[in-house]
Amino acid sequence: MQPALLPRGEETPASPLHLLSAADHKTPSLQPSTATDAMIIARAPVRVSFLGGGSDFPDHFRQHGGAVLATAVNRFAYVTVQPFLQEYFDHKIRLAYRRNESVNTPDEIEHPAIRAAYKKLGIEGGVEMHIMADMPARTGLGSSSSFVVAMLQALHAFHGRFRTARDLANEAIDIERNILGEAGGWQDQVIAASGGFSLVRFNRAGSYDVTQIPLPLERVQQLEDHMLLVYTQIQRDSFSVLGKKNGNQALKEKCLCRMSELAELGVEYLSSDKPIARFGELLHEGWELKKQAGSVSLPQIDEWYEAGLRAGATGGKVLGAGQGGFLLFIAEPRFHEAIRQACGNQPVVRVRVNAPGSQVIFSQR
């Protein structure tokens, strides 16, 4: 029986934990703060995608539709925005991420996404921005999009404007996919903005619908207990990996359509009382479908995946585009240590699912 699903409206909070969240507010623009001690801190979650990845690419879903089952997890990108007292310096914009930038105009900003956001929002200067993250970049968790969404949230809030989750997701998609021309789908931006444990359906008309999956707390705990994220310590840019994918196009489209079906089946399965361990079998089918569709991987990743299955996992997947990052396994907890050892004693990460979407966590204006 098809489970009842709770639609997530734009104005519906993704979680009671939201503070000035993207999903909570749509208010008239306010005047930018002129206080020298003003500060905004925003954060957006990374995501774990279970089923349907690849069907969120516009080239596919505009012809066939698509669906992705994914969850925001409790690892975040953080962006702090505050006034930059430019009268005391010889530059107007200061940025701090893995490197520091001090420039006068948005055109001089070297970070592509920050440059695009400043130009898109019409920010000329007088802003200082600091970026931090719980997880490394290029690990398949959608951290790039999480950062872009958090940055947009912070910049809008700093200038007295609040945006819905859909607004933020659409702006992030425009920056990453259109302005910067980076290959990829839309799920990362949508999940970072909306949060929650969601089924995202992508429509032929070019739109998408986000549906929250109302799993009982006990079921959520079971899923978290069965999830094992193994960090391969291999980092890559998803858009460079995506450019290498090949294979028969007709077969690829057929596989992606089946992967969309798996996302819908995943909702039914998790909403039932069937053993969580068997949920991994759906992920394994997705793994096999991606291989049929011509998705590239690395021999080491394939070896660790097969070793994980032999050690007790019922299925799993590579998170992200396929060449490195995190390997997700679904397995009974008693097999987790054996799986970790089978994967060369690589680091493992425990996460909580159903994390809130983009939100302002500190505001002083």
Protein backbone atom coordinates (compact mmCIF):
# COMPACT_ATOMS: atom_id res chain seq x y z
CA MET A 1 0.00 0.00 0.00
CA GLN A 2 1.30 3.45 -0.87
CA PRO A 3 2.23 5.21 2.38
CA ALA A 4 0.78 8.58 3.23
CA LEU A 5 3.29 11.31 2.51
CA LEU A 6 3.36 14.75 4.04
CA PRO A 7 3.96 17.46 1.42
CA ARG A 8 6.50 20.07 2.42
CA GLY A 9 5.12 23.48 1.49
CA GLU A 10 7.37 26.46 1.07
CA GLU A 11 6.05 28.03 4.24
CA THR A 12 6.15 24.80 6.30
CA PRO A 13 9.05 24.50 8.77
CA ALA A 14 11.33 21.58 7.91
CA SER A 15 12.02 21.11 11.62
CA PRO A 16 11.00 22.67 14.93
CA LEU A 17 14.70 23.49 15.36
CA HIS A 18 14.56 26.13 12.62
CA LEU A 19 15.57 29.67 13.60
CA LEU A 20 14.85 32.20 10.86
CA SER A 21 14.94 29.29 8.45
CA ALA A 22 14.59 29.41 4.70
CA ALA A 23 11.34 27.48 4.87
CA ASP A 24 9.81 29.65 7.57
CA HIS A 25 9.91 33.20 6.23
CA LYS A 26 8.85 35.28 3.29
CA THR A 27 8.78 38.88 4.55
CA PRO A 28 9.16 42.28 2.90
CA SER A 29 12.70 43.52 2.44
CA LEU A 30 14.20 45.47 5.34
CA GLN A 31 16.92 48.08 5.30
CA PRO A 32 20.49 46.72 5.56
CA SER A 33 22.00 47.00 9.00
CA THR A 34 24.30 49.96 9.52
CA ALA A 35 25.55 48.75 12.93
CA THR A 36 29.29 48.07 12.96
CA ASP A 37 28.73 45.08 15.27
CA ALA A 38 26.08 43.45 13.06
CA MET A 39 26.61 39.79 12.25
CA ILE A 40 24.74 36.95 10.55
CA ILE A 41 25.70 33.27 10.81
CA ALA A 42 23.88 30.86 8.51
CA ARG A 43 24.31 27.15 8.00
CA ALA A 44 23.07 24.55 5.51
CA PRO A 45 23.34 20.76 5.78
CA VAL A 46 25.08 18.27 3.53
CA ARG A 47 23.06 15.33 2.30
CA VAL A 48 23.11 11.57 1.93
CA SER A 49 21.37 10.43 -1.24
CA PHE A 50 19.99 6.90 -1.07
CA LEU A 51 18.23 6.26 -4.37
CA GLY A 52 17.53 7.95 -7.69
CA GLY A 53 20.76 9.89 -8.10
CA GLY A 54 21.32 10.87 -11.72
CA SER A 55 17.61 11.25 -12.45
CA ASP A 56 17.86 14.79 -11.03
CA PHE A 57 19.83 15.98 -14.08
CA PRO A 58 17.76 18.35 -16.26
CA ASP A 59 18.73 16.52 -19.45
CA HIS A 60 17.06 13.44 -18.03
CA PHE A 61 14.08 14.66 -16.02
CA ARG A 62 12.89 17.12 -18.69
CA GLN A 63 12.27 14.07 -20.87
CA HIS A 64 11.42 11.32 -18.39
CA GLY A 65 10.87 12.88 -14.97
CA GLY A 66 12.96 11.83 -12.00
CA ALA A 67 12.89 11.12 -8.28
CA VAL A 68 15.52 11.11 -5.54
CA LEU A 69 15.26 9.77 -2.00
CA ALA A 70 17.71 11.68 0.20
CA THR A 71 18.17 13.11 3.65
CA ALA A 72 19.91 16.12 5.09
CA VAL A 73 22.34 15.03 7.81
CA ASN A 74 23.81 16.77 10.84
CA ARG A 75 26.97 18.03 9.16
CA PHE A 76 26.90 21.63 7.94
CA ALA A 77 28.54 24.40 5.97
CA TYR A 78 28.66 27.68 7.91
CA VAL A 79 28.87 31.21 6.55
CA THR A 80 29.41 34.30 8.70
CA VAL A 81 28.71 37.73 7.23
CA GLN A 82 29.48 41.04 8.93
CA PRO A 83 30.19 44.64 7.92
CA PHE A 84 33.66 45.33 6.60
CA LEU A 85 34.95 48.68 7.81
CA GLN A 86 36.36 49.61 4.44
CA GLU A 87 37.22 53.18 5.45
CA TYR A 88 40.16 51.78 7.40
CA PHE A 89 41.56 49.60 4.61
CA ASP A 90 42.59 49.84 0.99
CA HIS A 91 40.02 47.24 -0.10
CA LYS A 92 36.23 46.82 0.19
CA ILE A 93 35.66 43.06 0.35
CA ARG A 94 37.33 40.55 2.66
CA LEU A 95 36.84 36.79 2.36
CA ALA A 96 38.20 33.94 4.47
CA TYR A 97 37.84 30.31 3.41
CA ARG A 98 40.73 27.90 2.72
CA ARG A 99 42.53 31.04 1.63
CA ASN A 100 42.07 34.77 2.21
CA GLU A 101 41.02 37.37 -0.34
CA SER A 102 41.07 41.17 -0.02
CA VAL A 103 39.65 42.88 -3.11
CA ASN A 104 37.77 45.98 -4.18
CA THR A 105 35.14 44.69 -6.61
CA PRO A 106 33.18 41.45 -7.11
CA ASP A 107 34.93 40.97 -10.47
CA GLU A 108 38.24 40.61 -8.61
CA ILE A 109 37.00 37.77 -6.38
CA GLU A 110 38.78 34.55 -7.31
CA HIS A 111 36.34 32.11 -5.69
CA PRO A 112 33.87 31.40 -8.53
CA ALA A 113 30.74 30.81 -6.44
CA ILE A 114 31.32 33.81 -4.17
CA ARG A 115 31.99 36.04 -7.16
CA ALA A 116 28.80 34.81 -8.84
CA ALA A 117 26.71 35.35 -5.70
CA TYR A 118 27.99 38.88 -5.12
CA LYS A 119 27.27 39.83 -8.72
CA LYS A 120 23.88 38.11 -8.78
CA LEU A 121 22.76 39.88 -5.59
CA GLY A 122 24.29 43.23 -6.55
CA ILE A 123 26.69 43.42 -3.60
CA GLU A 124 29.47 45.91 -4.31
CA GLY A 125 31.44 45.88 -1.07
CA GLY A 126 31.40 46.58 2.64
CA VAL A 127 30.95 42.90 3.50
CA GLU A 128 33.30 40.49 5.25
CA MET A 129 32.61 36.76 4.89
CA HIS A 130 34.04 33.72 6.69
CA ILE A 131 33.34 30.14 5.59
CA MET A 132 33.69 26.95 7.64
CA ALA A 133 32.51 23.37 7.15
CA ASP A 134 32.12 20.21 9.20
CA MET A 135 33.15 17.96 6.31
CA PRO A 136 35.90 18.13 3.68
CA ALA A 137 35.04 19.29 0.18
CA ARG A 138 34.75 16.87 -2.75
CA THR A 139 33.51 13.94 -0.67
CA GLY A 140 30.17 13.26 -2.38
CA LEU A 141 27.94 14.85 0.27
CA GLY A 142 26.92 17.89 -1.75
CA SER A 143 29.06 20.22 0.36
CA SER A 144 29.61 22.70 -2.48
CA SER A 145 25.88 23.31 -2.78
CA SER A 146 25.49 23.44 0.99
CA PHE A 147 28.02 26.26 1.08
CA VAL A 148 26.31 28.16 -1.75
CA VAL A 149 22.90 27.86 -0.07
CA ALA A 150 24.28 28.96 3.32
CA MET A 151 26.08 31.88 1.66
CA LEU A 152 22.89 33.04 -0.06
CA GLN A 153 20.95 32.67 3.19
CA ALA A 154 23.53 34.76 5.07
CA LEU A 155 23.83 37.48 2.43
CA HIS A 156 20.07 37.89 2.07
CA ALA A 157 19.57 38.00 5.85
CA PHE A 158 22.40 40.51 6.27
CA HIS A 159 20.61 42.83 3.86
CA GLY A 160 17.26 42.33 5.60
CA ARG A 161 15.77 39.93 3.06
CA PHE A 162 14.37 36.51 3.88
CA ARG A 163 14.01 33.81 1.27
CA THR A 164 12.05 30.56 1.21
CA ALA A 165 13.78 27.23 0.80
CA ARG A 166 12.65 27.15 -2.82
CA ASP A 167 14.05 30.64 -3.44
CA LEU A 168 17.44 29.63 -2.05
CA ALA A 169 17.54 26.33 -3.92
CA ASN A 170 16.63 28.00 -7.21
CA GLU A 171 19.25 30.73 -6.75
CA ALA A 172 21.91 28.14 -5.90
CA ILE A 173 20.96 26.05 -8.94
CA ASP A 174 21.23 29.14 -11.12
CA ILE A 175 24.68 29.99 -9.76
CA GLU A 176 26.16 26.49 -9.95
CA ARG A 177 24.53 25.09 -13.04
CA ASN A 178 23.87 28.14 -15.22
CA ILE A 179 26.30 30.91 -14.27
CA LEU A 180 29.28 28.69 -13.44
CA GLY A 181 28.30 25.96 -15.90
CA GLU A 182 29.13 23.11 -13.51
CA ALA A 183 27.67 19.75 -14.49
CA GLY A 184 25.34 18.10 -12.03
CA GLY A 185 21.81 17.60 -10.86
CA TRP A 186 19.55 19.64 -8.62
CA GLN A 187 19.15 17.47 -5.54
CA ASP A 188 22.08 18.94 -3.59
CA GLN A 189 20.72 22.48 -3.65
CA VAL A 190 17.16 21.37 -2.90
CA ILE A 191 18.10 19.22 0.09
CA ALA A 192 20.51 21.83 1.48
CA ALA A 193 17.76 24.44 1.41
CA SER A 194 14.78 22.29 2.46
CA GLY A 195 16.41 19.81 4.83
CA GLY A 196 14.53 16.84 6.20
CA PHE A 197 14.17 13.28 4.95
CA SER A 198 12.66 13.81 1.54
CA LEU A 199 11.49 12.40 -1.73
CA VAL A 200 12.20 15.00 -4.41
CA ARG A 201 10.30 14.52 -7.66
CA PHE A 202 11.63 16.31 -10.74
CA ASN A 203 9.07 17.08 -13.41
CA ARG A 204 9.24 17.24 -17.19
CA ALA A 205 8.18 20.88 -17.00
CA GLY A 206 11.46 21.68 -15.25
CA SER A 207 9.98 22.04 -11.76
CA TYR A 208 10.33 19.89 -8.66
CA ASP A 209 8.26 18.90 -5.63
CA VAL A 210 9.69 18.15 -2.19
CA THR A 211 7.81 15.66 -0.02
CA GLN A 212 8.80 15.04 3.57
CA ILE A 213 8.82 11.38 4.64
CA PRO A 214 7.20 11.16 8.10
CA LEU A 215 9.10 8.18 9.50
CA PRO A 216 8.46 7.16 13.13
CA LEU A 217 11.31 7.95 15.51
CA GLU A 218 11.99 4.25 16.06
CA ARG A 219 12.31 3.69 12.31
CA VAL A 220 14.68 6.66 12.00
CA GLN A 221 16.83 5.21 14.78
CA GLN A 222 16.91 1.83 13.05
CA LEU A 223 18.05 3.43 9.81
CA GLU A 224 20.76 5.48 11.51
CA ASP A 225 21.99 2.36 13.32
CA HIS A 226 22.28 0.48 10.02
CA MET A 227 24.06 3.25 8.11
CA LEU A 228 27.84 3.11 7.89
CA LEU A 229 29.71 5.86 6.03
CA VAL A 230 33.27 4.90 5.15
CA TYR A 231 35.53 7.77 4.15
CA THR A 232 37.70 6.61 1.26
CA GLN A 233 39.99 9.66 1.62
CA ILE A 234 39.77 10.06 -2.16
CA GLN A 235 38.61 13.54 -3.13
CA ARG A 236 37.35 14.67 -6.54
CA ASP A 237 35.31 17.39 -8.23
CA SER A 238 31.94 15.90 -9.12
CA PHE A 239 31.61 17.89 -12.34
CA SER A 240 34.98 16.58 -13.60
CA VAL A 241 33.91 12.99 -12.88
CA LEU A 242 30.51 13.52 -14.47
CA GLY A 243 32.19 14.65 -17.65
CA LYS A 244 33.85 11.23 -17.97
CA LYS A 245 30.69 9.15 -17.83
CA ASN A 246 29.88 7.25 -20.95
CA GLY A 247 27.90 4.31 -22.24
CA ASN A 248 24.91 3.63 -24.42
CA GLN A 249 22.54 6.57 -24.08
CA ALA A 250 19.35 4.53 -24.47
CA LEU A 251 20.51 2.07 -21.83
CA LYS A 252 21.51 4.93 -19.56
CA GLU A 253 18.04 6.50 -19.79
CA LYS A 254 16.41 3.15 -19.07
CA CYS A 255 18.60 2.65 -16.01
CA LEU A 256 17.88 6.16 -14.73
CA CYS A 257 14.14 5.60 -15.08
CA ARG A 258 14.46 2.44 -13.01
CA MET A 259 16.50 4.35 -10.43
CA SER A 260 13.64 6.84 -10.11
CA GLU A 261 11.33 3.91 -9.45
CA LEU A 262 13.72 2.67 -6.77
CA ALA A 263 13.43 6.03 -4.99
CA GLU A 264 9.64 5.60 -4.83
CA LEU A 265 10.06 1.99 -3.68
CA GLY A 266 12.47 3.15 -1.02
CA VAL A 267 9.77 5.33 0.51
CA GLU A 268 7.37 2.38 0.60
CA TYR A 269 10.02 0.15 2.13
CA LEU A 270 11.09 2.56 4.86
CA SER A 271 7.44 3.31 5.66
CA SER A 272 6.80 -0.39 6.27
CA ASP A 273 7.96 -2.64 9.11
CA LYS A 274 10.33 -4.67 6.93
CA PRO A 275 13.90 -5.14 8.22
CA ILE A 276 16.06 -2.08 7.53
CA ALA A 277 18.92 -4.34 6.49
CA ARG A 278 16.96 -5.32 3.39
CA PHE A 279 16.69 -1.65 2.41
CA GLY A 280 20.31 -2.11 1.38
CA GLU A 281 19.19 -4.46 -1.38
CA LEU A 282 17.54 -1.51 -3.13
CA LEU A 283 20.79 0.43 -2.89
CA HIS A 284 22.66 -2.53 -4.33
CA GLU A 285 20.29 -2.60 -7.31
CA GLY A 286 21.01 1.09 -7.76
CA TRP A 287 24.76 0.33 -7.69
CA GLU A 288 24.36 -2.28 -10.42
CA LEU A 289 22.19 0.05 -12.50
CA LYS A 290 24.79 2.81 -12.36
CA LYS A 291 27.42 0.39 -13.58
CA GLN A 292 25.16 -0.61 -16.47
CA ALA A 293 24.57 3.05 -17.27
CA GLY A 294 28.29 3.59 -17.77
CA SER A 295 29.09 5.42 -14.53
CA VAL A 296 32.81 5.39 -13.88
CA SER A 297 34.37 4.27 -10.64
CA LEU A 298 37.82 3.38 -9.36
CA PRO A 299 39.09 -0.20 -8.95
CA GLN A 300 39.81 0.50 -5.28
CA ILE A 301 36.26 1.70 -4.68
CA ASP A 302 34.82 -1.38 -6.40
CA GLU A 303 37.10 -3.61 -4.34
CA TRP A 304 36.04 -2.03 -1.05
CA TYR A 305 32.38 -2.23 -2.01
CA GLU A 306 32.59 -5.94 -2.78
CA ALA A 307 34.57 -6.50 0.42
CA GLY A 308 31.88 -4.69 2.38
CA LEU A 309 29.21 -6.99 0.97
CA ARG A 310 31.25 -10.05 1.91
CA ALA A 311 31.65 -8.65 5.42
CA GLY A 312 27.90 -8.40 5.97
CA ALA A 313 26.48 -5.36 4.18
CA THR A 314 23.26 -5.92 2.24
CA GLY A 315 24.00 -3.07 -0.15
CA GLY A 316 25.43 0.37 -0.50
CA LYS A 317 26.62 3.03 -2.88
CA VAL A 318 29.24 5.64 -3.53
CA LEU A 319 27.92 9.02 -2.47
CA GLY A 320 28.26 11.62 -5.18
CA ALA A 321 29.56 11.20 -8.69
CA GLY A 322 31.43 7.97 -8.14
CA GLN A 323 35.20 8.41 -7.88
CA GLY A 324 35.87 8.59 -4.17
CA GLY A 325 34.39 10.44 -1.25
CA PHE A 326 32.19 8.32 1.01
CA LEU A 327 31.00 4.75 0.63
CA LEU A 328 27.62 4.23 2.27
CA PHE A 329 26.78 0.72 3.46
CA ILE A 330 23.54 -0.60 4.93
CA ALA A 331 24.25 -3.38 7.40
CA GLU A 332 23.27 -4.68 10.79
CA PRO A 333 25.36 -2.90 13.44
CA ARG A 334 27.11 -6.15 14.43
CA PHE A 335 28.79 -6.20 11.00
CA HIS A 336 30.05 -2.60 11.01
CA GLU A 337 33.50 -3.26 12.43
CA ALA A 338 34.10 -6.12 10.00
CA ILE A 339 33.05 -3.87 7.10
CA ARG A 340 35.39 -1.12 8.26
CA GLN A 341 38.27 -3.57 8.40
CA ALA A 342 37.33 -4.96 4.98
CA CYS A 343 37.61 -1.40 3.63
CA GLY A 344 41.21 -1.06 4.76
CA ASN A 345 40.39 0.39 8.21
CA GLN A 346 39.34 3.66 6.61
CA PRO A 347 37.70 6.27 8.88
CA VAL A 348 33.96 5.94 9.45
CA VAL A 349 31.40 8.63 10.22
CA ARG A 350 28.13 8.37 12.12
CA VAL A 351 25.40 10.81 11.13
CA ARG A 352 21.88 11.74 12.15
CA VAL A 353 19.28 11.95 9.40
CA ASN A 354 16.39 14.42 8.96
CA ALA A 355 18.51 17.48 9.76
CA PRO A 356 16.96 20.95 9.33
CA GLY A 357 17.53 22.85 6.13
CA SER A 358 19.28 26.16 5.66
CA GLN A 359 18.79 28.49 8.60
CA VAL A 360 20.16 31.60 10.26
CA ILE A 361 21.54 30.42 13.60
CA PHE A 362 22.75 33.83 14.83
CA SER A 363 21.47 37.28 13.95
CA GLN A 364 22.63 40.60 15.33
CA ARG A 365 21.60 43.62 13.28
